Amino acid sequence: MSITRRLNQILEYISDAVSEIFSPTHDDYPTIGVQPFKGEPFKDKARRH
């Protein structure tokens, strides 16, 4: 394998990684925002401060 072909493969590998890092996300999660807390806080009666 020639040096130029190997160098080309290395540069392609690095450029693919950089483009994946800086590309938009592929997540298709719905934007739901912050959810309010609808519960009771935990009170440990056995441990007193």
PDB file of N, CA and C in Angstrom:
ATOM      1  N   MET A   1       0.845  -1.164   0.000  1.00  0.00           N
ATOM      2  CA  MET A   1       0.000   0.000   0.000  1.00  0.00           C
ATOM      3  C   MET A   1       0.894   1.232   0.000  1.00  0.00           C
ATOM      4  N   SER A   2       0.583   2.163  -0.842  1.00  0.00           N
ATOM      5  CA  SER A   2       1.427   3.340  -0.937  1.00  0.00           C
ATOM      6  C   SER A   2       1.149   4.301   0.231  1.00  0.00           C
ATOM      7  N   ILE A   3       2.094   5.143   0.477  1.00  0.00           N
ATOM      8  CA  ILE A   3       1.997   6.096   1.578  1.00  0.00           C
ATOM      9  C   ILE A   3       0.869   7.098   1.330  1.00  0.00           C
ATOM     10  N   THR A   4       0.709   7.539   0.106  1.00  0.00           N
ATOM     11  CA  THR A   4      -0.336   8.525  -0.188  1.00  0.00           C
ATOM     12  C   THR A   4      -1.740   7.941   0.016  1.00  0.00           C
ATOM     13  N   ARG A   5      -1.925   6.675  -0.343  1.00  0.00           N
ATOM     14  CA  ARG A   5      -3.230   6.047  -0.135  1.00  0.00           C
ATOM     15  C   ARG A   5      -3.521   5.913   1.356  1.00  0.00           C
ATOM     16  N   ARG A   6      -2.536   5.511   2.125  1.00  0.00           N
ATOM     17  CA  ARG A   6      -2.709   5.373   3.578  1.00  0.00           C
ATOM     18  C   ARG A   6      -2.967   6.735   4.219  1.00  0.00           C
ATOM     19  N   LEU A   7      -2.250   7.754   3.801  1.00  0.00           N
ATOM     20  CA  LEU A   7      -2.446   9.096   4.322  1.00  0.00           C
ATOM     21  C   LEU A   7      -3.851   9.602   3.976  1.00  0.00           C
ATOM     22  N   ASN A   8      -4.306   9.301   2.782  1.00  0.00           N
ATOM     23  CA  ASN A   8      -5.648   9.685   2.368  1.00  0.00           C
ATOM     24  C   ASN A   8      -6.702   9.001   3.242  1.00  0.00           C
ATOM     25  N   GLN A   9      -6.514   7.741   3.576  1.00  0.00           N
ATOM     26  CA  GLN A   9      -7.445   7.017   4.444  1.00  0.00           C
ATOM     27  C   GLN A   9      -7.476   7.616   5.847  1.00  0.00           C
ATOM     28  N   ILE A  10      -6.316   7.981   6.357  1.00  0.00           N
ATOM     29  CA  ILE A  10      -6.238   8.584   7.692  1.00  0.00           C
ATOM     30  C   ILE A  10      -6.950   9.928   7.711  1.00  0.00           C
ATOM     31  N   LEU A  11      -6.717  10.754   6.715  1.00  0.00           N
ATOM     32  CA  LEU A  11      -7.370  12.058   6.650  1.00  0.00           C
ATOM     33  C   LEU A  11      -8.883  11.923   6.485  1.00  0.00           C
ATOM     34  N   GLU A  12      -9.327  10.955   5.720  1.00  0.00           N
ATOM     35  CA  GLU A  12     -10.758  10.722   5.552  1.00  0.00           C
ATOM     36  C   GLU A  12     -11.385  10.264   6.863  1.00  0.00           C
ATOM     37  N   TYR A  13     -10.697   9.410   7.601  1.00  0.00           N
ATOM     38  CA  TYR A  13     -11.181   8.933   8.890  1.00  0.00           C
ATOM     39  C   TYR A  13     -11.338  10.087   9.872  1.00  0.00           C
ATOM     40  N   ILE A  14     -10.343  10.959   9.920  1.00  0.00           N
ATOM     41  CA  ILE A  14     -10.378  12.108  10.835  1.00  0.00           C
ATOM     42  C   ILE A  14     -11.455  13.098  10.414  1.00  0.00           C
ATOM     43  N   SER A  15     -11.570  13.363   9.127  1.00  0.00           N
ATOM     44  CA  SER A  15     -12.568  14.337   8.676  1.00  0.00           C
ATOM     45  C   SER A  15     -13.994  13.809   8.889  1.00  0.00           C
ATOM     46  N   ASP A  16     -14.203  12.508   8.754  1.00  0.00           N
ATOM     47  CA  ASP A  16     -15.515  11.929   9.043  1.00  0.00           C
ATOM     48  C   ASP A  16     -15.869  12.093  10.525  1.00  0.00           C
ATOM     49  N   ALA A  17     -14.889  11.891  11.388  1.00  0.00           N
ATOM     50  CA  ALA A  17     -15.129  12.040  12.823  1.00  0.00           C
ATOM     51  C   ALA A  17     -15.444  13.493  13.172  1.00  0.00           C
ATOM     52  N   VAL A  18     -14.710  14.421  12.607  1.00  0.00           N
ATOM     53  CA  VAL A  18     -14.953  15.844  12.881  1.00  0.00           C
ATOM     54  C   VAL A  18     -16.319  16.268  12.361  1.00  0.00           C
ATOM     55  N   SER A  19     -16.689  15.814  11.190  1.00  0.00           N
ATOM     56  CA  SER A  19     -17.995  16.193  10.652  1.00  0.00           C
ATOM     57  C   SER A  19     -19.123  15.577  11.467  1.00  0.00           C
ATOM     58  N   GLU A  20     -18.925  14.412  12.042  1.00  0.00           N
ATOM     59  CA  GLU A  20     -19.955  13.800  12.891  1.00  0.00           C
ATOM     60  C   GLU A  20     -20.100  14.568  14.203  1.00  0.00           C
ATOM     61  N   ILE A  21     -19.008  15.038  14.748  1.00  0.00           N
ATOM     62  CA  ILE A  21     -19.047  15.781  16.004  1.00  0.00           C
ATOM     63  C   ILE A  21     -19.778  17.112  15.829  1.00  0.00           C
ATOM     64  N   PHE A  22     -19.493  17.819  14.753  1.00  0.00           N
ATOM     65  CA  PHE A  22     -20.038  19.153  14.565  1.00  0.00           C
ATOM     66  C   PHE A  22     -21.299  19.196  13.703  1.00  0.00           C
ATOM     67  N   SER A  23     -21.875  18.066  13.387  1.00  0.00           N
ATOM     68  CA  SER A  23     -23.125  18.045  12.623  1.00  0.00           C
ATOM     69  C   SER A  23     -24.312  18.126  13.580  1.00  0.00           C
ATOM     70  N   PRO A  24     -25.497  18.461  13.096  1.00  0.00           N
ATOM     71  CA  PRO A  24     -26.673  18.476  13.968  1.00  0.00           C
ATOM     72  C   PRO A  24     -26.949  17.087  14.532  1.00  0.00           C
ATOM     73  N   THR A  25     -27.639  17.055  15.644  1.00  0.00           N
ATOM     74  CA  THR A  25     -27.904  15.764  16.287  1.00  0.00           C
ATOM     75  C   THR A  25     -28.891  14.944  15.469  1.00  0.00           C
ATOM     76  N   HIS A  26     -28.849  13.650  15.687  1.00  0.00           N
ATOM     77  CA  HIS A  26     -29.730  12.728  14.986  1.00  0.00           C
ATOM     78  C   HIS A  26     -30.872  12.271  15.894  1.00  0.00           C
ATOM     79  N   ASP A  27     -30.999  12.900  17.063  1.00  0.00           N
ATOM     80  CA  ASP A  27     -32.029  12.512  18.012  1.00  0.00           C
ATOM     81  C   ASP A  27     -33.385  13.029  17.558  1.00  0.00           C
ATOM     82  N   ASP A  28     -34.390  12.212  17.674  1.00  0.00           N
ATOM     83  CA  ASP A  28     -35.749  12.592  17.309  1.00  0.00           C
ATOM     84  C   ASP A  28     -36.645  12.635  18.543  1.00  0.00           C
ATOM     85  N   TYR A  29     -36.122  13.187  19.631  1.00  0.00           N
ATOM     86  CA  TYR A  29     -36.894  13.275  20.852  1.00  0.00           C
ATOM     87  C   TYR A  29     -37.850  14.463  20.768  1.00  0.00           C
ATOM     88  N   PRO A  30     -39.052  14.342  21.319  1.00  0.00           N
ATOM     89  CA  PRO A  30     -39.974  15.479  21.307  1.00  0.00           C
ATOM     90  C   PRO A  30     -39.507  16.556  22.286  1.00  0.00           C
ATOM     91  N   THR A  31     -39.773  17.799  21.963  1.00  0.00           N
ATOM     92  CA  THR A  31     -39.419  18.885  22.867  1.00  0.00           C
ATOM     93  C   THR A  31     -40.563  19.069  23.847  1.00  0.00           C
ATOM     94  N   ILE A  32     -40.348  18.614  25.073  1.00  0.00           N
ATOM     95  CA  ILE A  32     -41.423  18.650  26.060  1.00  0.00           C
ATOM     96  C   ILE A  32     -41.177  19.695  27.125  1.00  0.00           C
ATOM     97  N   GLY A  33     -39.970  20.174  27.277  1.00  0.00           N
ATOM     98  CA  GLY A  33     -39.685  21.187  28.277  1.00  0.00           C
ATOM     99  C   GLY A  33     -39.506  20.611  29.666  1.00  0.00           C
ATOM    100  N   VAL A  34     -39.521  21.496  30.633  1.00  0.00           N
ATOM    101  CA  VAL A  34     -39.319  21.108  32.026  1.00  0.00           C
ATOM    102  C   VAL A  34     -40.649  20.630  32.601  1.00  0.00           C
ATOM    103  N   GLN A  35     -40.605  19.512  33.317  1.00  0.00           N
ATOM    104  CA  GLN A  35     -41.802  18.964  33.928  1.00  0.00           C
ATOM    105  C   GLN A  35     -41.859  19.371  35.400  1.00  0.00           C
ATOM    106  N   PRO A  36     -43.006  19.820  35.880  1.00  0.00           N
ATOM    107  CA  PRO A  36     -43.115  20.203  37.284  1.00  0.00           C
ATOM    108  C   PRO A  36     -43.081  18.980  38.194  1.00  0.00           C
ATOM    109  N   PHE A  37     -42.643  19.201  39.410  1.00  0.00           N
ATOM    110  CA  PHE A  37     -42.581  18.128  40.400  1.00  0.00           C
ATOM    111  C   PHE A  37     -43.965  17.939  40.992  1.00  0.00           C
ATOM    112  N   LYS A  38     -44.502  16.726  40.938  1.00  0.00           N
ATOM    113  CA  LYS A  38     -45.845  16.440  41.436  1.00  0.00           C
ATOM    114  C   LYS A  38     -45.802  15.345  42.499  1.00  0.00           C
ATOM    115  N   GLY A  39     -44.970  15.509  43.491  1.00  0.00           N
ATOM    116  CA  GLY A  39     -44.869  14.465  44.497  1.00  0.00           C
ATOM    117  C   GLY A  39     -44.597  15.042  45.862  1.00  0.00           C
ATOM    118  N   GLU A  40     -44.433  14.153  46.789  1.00  0.00           N
ATOM    119  CA  GLU A  40     -44.114  14.532  48.157  1.00  0.00           C
ATOM    120  C   GLU A  40     -42.622  14.348  48.382  1.00  0.00           C
ATOM    121  N   PRO A  41     -41.968  15.316  49.022  1.00  0.00           N
ATOM    122  CA  PRO A  41     -40.547  15.122  49.332  1.00  0.00           C
ATOM    123  C   PRO A  41     -40.373  14.007  50.365  1.00  0.00           C
ATOM    124  N   PHE A  42     -39.280  13.285  50.260  1.00  0.00           N
ATOM    125  CA  PHE A  42     -38.998  12.165  51.149  1.00  0.00           C
ATOM    126  C   PHE A  42     -38.586  12.687  52.514  1.00  0.00           C
ATOM    127  N   LYS A  43     -39.247  12.182  53.557  1.00  0.00           N
ATOM    128  CA  LYS A  43     -38.901  12.547  54.931  1.00  0.00           C
ATOM    129  C   LYS A  43     -38.515  11.277  55.671  1.00  0.00           C
ATOM    130  N   ASP A  44     -37.249  11.202  56.043  1.00  0.00           N
ATOM    131  CA  ASP A  44     -36.750  10.035  56.767  1.00  0.00           C
ATOM    132  C   ASP A  44     -36.985  10.247  58.257  1.00  0.00           C
ATOM    133  N   LYS A  45     -37.984   9.544  58.825  1.00  0.00           N
ATOM    134  CA  LYS A  45     -38.337   9.718  60.224  1.00  0.00           C
ATOM    135  C   LYS A  45     -37.368   8.990  61.153  1.00  0.00           C
ATOM    136  N   ALA A  46     -36.650   8.023  60.645  1.00  0.00           N
ATOM    137  CA  ALA A  46     -35.739   7.247  61.487  1.00  0.00           C
ATOM    138  C   ALA A  46     -34.446   8.005  61.744  1.00  0.00           C
ATOM    139  N   ARG A  47     -34.099   8.928  60.893  1.00  0.00           N
ATOM    140  CA  ARG A  47     -32.830   9.644  61.045  1.00  0.00           C
ATOM    141  C   ARG A  47     -33.117  11.108  61.333  1.00  0.00           C
ATOM    142  N   ARG A  48     -32.704  11.559  62.470  1.00  0.00           N
ATOM    143  CA  ARG A  48     -32.904  12.966  62.862  1.00  0.00           C
ATOM    144  C   ARG A  48     -31.556  13.661  62.908  1.00  0.00           C
ATOM    145  N   HIS A  49     -31.527  14.893  62.507  1.00  0.00           N
ATOM    146  CA  HIS A  49     -30.259  15.655  62.488  1.00  0.00           C
ATOM    147  C   HIS A  49     -30.036  16.341  63.784  1.00  0.00           C
TER     148      HIS A  49
END
